[in-house]
Amino acid sequence: MWAELFNHLMNLDNMLHAADRQFTTLQNQHETLTKSHVELQQLHDELVVSCEEWKTKATSSPASEPKIPDPPMYSGDRKELIPFLAKCRMKFEGQPSHFPSICAQILYVSTHLEGPAFNWFQPLLVS
């Protein structure tokens, strides 16, 4: 009977130590996620400021900028991502007056998303 009670107490002690290790792991993960959240919040705030600045600026299209075709719609096909992004970058760099901020670039790219890619992006429009 004492041996059984001793074994039961040892099992409980082992379970307590395992739970303590899991708790420590969760605390570390929580700290990491909190730091990431703070960094993302700061980036978000910077983007909001950038977008507000962009909205207040008047944009003009100088005649010296070349006409660059719009990239095709992007639906989420992994094989098409790099070409899509390259064509977007060419558009941004070739017509900088149309895209004075990162916000303008994001809005432009979002208008060229469809299907699964747009479904992924759409919840970001709410925030």
C-alpha atoms as a PDB file:
ATOM      1  CA  MET A   1       0.000   0.000   0.000  1.00  0.00           C
ATOM      2  CA  TRP A   2       2.834   2.443   0.882  1.00  0.00           C
ATOM      3  CA  ALA A   3       4.668   1.519  -2.295  1.00  0.00           C
ATOM      4  CA  GLU A   4       1.532   2.181  -4.325  1.00  0.00           C
ATOM      5  CA  LEU A   5       1.037   5.538  -2.619  1.00  0.00           C
ATOM      6  CA  PHE A   6       4.714   6.400  -3.169  1.00  0.00           C
ATOM      7  CA  ASN A   7       4.445   5.519  -6.882  1.00  0.00           C
ATOM      8  CA  HIS A   8       1.315   7.610  -7.201  1.00  0.00           C
ATOM      9  CA  LEU A   9       3.051  10.588  -5.569  1.00  0.00           C
ATOM     10  CA  MET A  10       6.067  10.157  -7.873  1.00  0.00           C
ATOM     11  CA  ASN A  11       3.777  10.113 -10.892  1.00  0.00           C
ATOM     12  CA  LEU A  12       2.092  13.286  -9.689  1.00  0.00           C
ATOM     13  CA  ASP A  13       5.497  14.899  -9.122  1.00  0.00           C
ATOM     14  CA  ASN A  14       6.606  13.950 -12.647  1.00  0.00           C
ATOM     15  CA  MET A  15       3.378  15.335 -14.087  1.00  0.00           C
ATOM     16  CA  LEU A  16       3.887  18.560 -12.122  1.00  0.00           C
ATOM     17  CA  HIS A  17       7.426  18.963 -13.496  1.00  0.00           C
ATOM     18  CA  ALA A  18       6.203  18.292 -17.038  1.00  0.00           C
ATOM     19  CA  ALA A  19       3.440  20.858 -16.611  1.00  0.00           C
ATOM     20  CA  ASP A  20       5.983  23.348 -15.263  1.00  0.00           C
ATOM     21  CA  ARG A  21       8.193  22.827 -18.337  1.00  0.00           C
ATOM     22  CA  GLN A  22       5.200  23.287 -20.623  1.00  0.00           C
ATOM     23  CA  PHE A  23       4.244  26.450 -18.765  1.00  0.00           C
ATOM     24  CA  THR A  24       7.772  27.836 -19.180  1.00  0.00           C
ATOM     25  CA  THR A  25       7.671  27.020 -22.890  1.00  0.00           C
ATOM     26  CA  LEU A  26       4.315  28.759 -23.219  1.00  0.00           C
ATOM     27  CA  GLN A  27       5.634  31.796 -21.360  1.00  0.00           C
ATOM     28  CA  ASN A  28       8.578  32.010 -23.768  1.00  0.00           C
ATOM     29  CA  GLN A  29       6.289  31.664 -26.765  1.00  0.00           C
ATOM     30  CA  HIS A  30       4.004  34.337 -25.329  1.00  0.00           C
ATOM     31  CA  GLU A  31       6.944  36.734 -24.916  1.00  0.00           C
ATOM     32  CA  THR A  32       8.061  36.085 -28.490  1.00  0.00           C
ATOM     33  CA  LEU A  33       4.555  36.638 -29.827  1.00  0.00           C
ATOM     34  CA  THR A  34       4.177  39.797 -27.764  1.00  0.00           C
ATOM     35  CA  LYS A  35       7.412  41.199 -29.213  1.00  0.00           C
ATOM     36  CA  SER A  36       6.291  40.292 -32.731  1.00  0.00           C
ATOM     37  CA  HIS A  37       2.917  41.901 -32.116  1.00  0.00           C
ATOM     38  CA  VAL A  38       4.564  45.130 -30.952  1.00  0.00           C
ATOM     39  CA  GLU A  39       6.804  45.179 -34.034  1.00  0.00           C
ATOM     40  CA  LEU A  40       3.849  44.538 -36.346  1.00  0.00           C
ATOM     41  CA  GLN A  41       1.813  47.232 -34.608  1.00  0.00           C
ATOM     42  CA  GLN A  42       4.644  49.723 -35.132  1.00  0.00           C
ATOM     43  CA  LEU A  43       4.883  48.788 -38.813  1.00  0.00           C
ATOM     44  CA  HIS A  44       1.113  49.115 -39.136  1.00  0.00           C
ATOM     45  CA  ASP A  45       1.174  52.545 -37.517  1.00  0.00           C
ATOM     46  CA  GLU A  46       3.962  53.663 -39.863  1.00  0.00           C
ATOM     47  CA  LEU A  47       1.975  52.401 -42.832  1.00  0.00           C
ATOM     48  CA  VAL A  48      -1.142  54.260 -41.694  1.00  0.00           C
ATOM     49  CA  VAL A  49       0.876  57.481 -41.408  1.00  0.00           C
ATOM     50  CA  SER A  50       2.391  56.832 -44.831  1.00  0.00           C
ATOM     51  CA  CYS A  51      -1.062  56.267 -46.316  1.00  0.00           C
ATOM     52  CA  GLU A  52      -2.410  59.439 -44.748  1.00  0.00           C
ATOM     53  CA  GLU A  53       0.525  61.419 -46.137  1.00  0.00           C
ATOM     54  CA  TRP A  54      -0.061  59.889 -49.536  1.00  0.00           C
ATOM     55  CA  LYS A  55      -3.742  60.810 -49.488  1.00  0.00           C
ATOM     56  CA  THR A  56      -2.927  64.449 -48.773  1.00  0.00           C
ATOM     57  CA  LYS A  57      -0.357  64.777 -51.577  1.00  0.00           C
ATOM     58  CA  ALA A  58      -1.397  65.636 -55.077  1.00  0.00           C
ATOM     59  CA  THR A  59       0.092  63.202 -57.549  1.00  0.00           C
ATOM     60  CA  SER A  60       0.910  64.094 -61.117  1.00  0.00           C
ATOM     61  CA  SER A  61       2.153  61.995 -63.977  1.00  0.00           C
ATOM     62  CA  PRO A  62       5.113  63.588 -65.735  1.00  0.00           C
ATOM     63  CA  ALA A  63       5.293  63.067 -69.468  1.00  0.00           C
ATOM     64  CA  SER A  64       8.833  61.707 -69.081  1.00  0.00           C
ATOM     65  CA  GLU A  65       7.595  58.506 -67.439  1.00  0.00           C
ATOM     66  CA  PRO A  66       7.152  55.591 -69.813  1.00  0.00           C
ATOM     67  CA  LYS A  67       3.848  53.844 -70.261  1.00  0.00           C
ATOM     68  CA  ILE A  68       4.167  50.487 -68.572  1.00  0.00           C
ATOM     69  CA  PRO A  69       1.421  47.897 -68.917  1.00  0.00           C
ATOM     70  CA  ASP A  70      -0.396  46.728 -65.827  1.00  0.00           C
ATOM     71  CA  PRO A  71       0.575  43.310 -64.511  1.00  0.00           C
ATOM     72  CA  PRO A  72      -1.929  40.516 -65.082  1.00  0.00           C
ATOM     73  CA  MET A  73      -4.364  39.588 -62.336  1.00  0.00           C
ATOM     74  CA  TYR A  74      -2.828  37.278 -59.736  1.00  0.00           C
ATOM     75  CA  SER A  75      -4.933  34.438 -58.347  1.00  0.00           C
ATOM     76  CA  GLY A  76      -2.454  32.775 -56.012  1.00  0.00           C
ATOM     77  CA  ASP A  77      -0.603  30.373 -58.318  1.00  0.00           C
ATOM     78  CA  ARG A  78       2.857  29.970 -56.756  1.00  0.00           C
ATOM     79  CA  LYS A  79       4.521  29.693 -60.165  1.00  0.00           C
ATOM     80  CA  GLU A  80       3.171  33.103 -61.154  1.00  0.00           C
ATOM     81  CA  LEU A  81       4.133  34.989 -57.968  1.00  0.00           C
ATOM     82  CA  ILE A  82       7.695  36.013 -58.911  1.00  0.00           C
ATOM     83  CA  PRO A  83       6.714  37.233 -62.420  1.00  0.00           C
ATOM     84  CA  PHE A  84       3.738  39.101 -60.939  1.00  0.00           C
ATOM     85  CA  LEU A  85       5.895  40.834 -58.329  1.00  0.00           C
ATOM     86  CA  ALA A  86       8.553  41.651 -60.942  1.00  0.00           C
ATOM     87  CA  LYS A  87       5.949  43.293 -63.178  1.00  0.00           C
ATOM     88  CA  CYS A  88       4.585  45.256 -60.212  1.00  0.00           C
ATOM     89  CA  ARG A  89       8.087  46.443 -59.322  1.00  0.00           C
ATOM     90  CA  MET A  90       8.689  47.504 -62.927  1.00  0.00           C
ATOM     91  CA  LYS A  91       5.453  49.499 -62.804  1.00  0.00           C
ATOM     92  CA  PHE A  92       6.425  51.168 -59.510  1.00  0.00           C
ATOM     93  CA  GLU A  93       9.948  52.043 -60.612  1.00  0.00           C
ATOM     94  CA  GLY A  94       8.922  53.125 -64.109  1.00  0.00           C
ATOM     95  CA  GLN A  95       6.092  55.372 -62.923  1.00  0.00           C
ATOM     96  CA  PRO A  96       7.185  56.642 -59.492  1.00  0.00           C
ATOM     97  CA  SER A  97       4.831  59.623 -59.545  1.00  0.00           C
ATOM     98  CA  HIS A  98       1.893  57.214 -59.555  1.00  0.00           C
ATOM     99  CA  PHE A  99       3.233  55.366 -56.506  1.00  0.00           C
ATOM    100  CA  PRO A 100       4.688  57.930 -54.079  1.00  0.00           C
ATOM    101  CA  SER A 101       4.328  55.674 -51.043  1.00  0.00           C
ATOM    102  CA  ILE A 102       4.219  52.058 -49.984  1.00  0.00           C
ATOM    103  CA  CYS A 103       0.524  52.546 -49.336  1.00  0.00           C
ATOM    104  CA  ALA A 104      -0.080  53.455 -52.974  1.00  0.00           C
ATOM    105  CA  GLN A 105       1.846  50.365 -54.038  1.00  0.00           C
ATOM    106  CA  ILE A 106      -0.142  48.099 -51.726  1.00  0.00           C
ATOM    107  CA  LEU A 107      -3.437  49.522 -52.938  1.00  0.00           C
ATOM    108  CA  TYR A 108      -2.364  49.061 -56.550  1.00  0.00           C
ATOM    109  CA  VAL A 109      -1.263  45.455 -56.040  1.00  0.00           C
ATOM    110  CA  SER A 110      -4.479  44.678 -54.153  1.00  0.00           C
ATOM    111  CA  THR A 111      -6.501  45.721 -57.203  1.00  0.00           C
ATOM    112  CA  HIS A 112      -4.677  43.054 -59.204  1.00  0.00           C
ATOM    113  CA  LEU A 113      -5.541  40.169 -56.882  1.00  0.00           C
ATOM    114  CA  GLU A 114      -8.343  37.733 -57.542  1.00  0.00           C
ATOM    115  CA  GLY A 115      -9.570  34.380 -56.309  1.00  0.00           C
ATOM    116  CA  PRO A 116      -7.650  32.830 -53.407  1.00  0.00           C
ATOM    117  CA  ALA A 117      -5.058  35.629 -53.377  1.00  0.00           C
ATOM    118  CA  PHE A 118      -7.762  38.272 -52.933  1.00  0.00           C
ATOM    119  CA  ASN A 119      -9.563  36.133 -50.360  1.00  0.00           C
ATOM    120  CA  TRP A 120      -6.332  36.081 -48.344  1.00  0.00           C
ATOM    121  CA  PHE A 121      -5.848  39.843 -48.681  1.00  0.00           C
ATOM    122  CA  GLN A 122      -9.457  40.929 -48.109  1.00  0.00           C
ATOM    123  CA  PRO A 123      -9.449  40.638 -44.274  1.00  0.00           C
ATOM    124  CA  LEU A 124      -6.485  43.062 -44.180  1.00  0.00           C
ATOM    125  CA  LEU A 125      -8.691  45.753 -45.718  1.00  0.00           C
ATOM    126  CA  VAL A 126     -10.910  45.804 -42.626  1.00  0.00           C
ATOM    127  CA  SER A 127      -8.148  46.881 -40.210  1.00  0.00           C
END
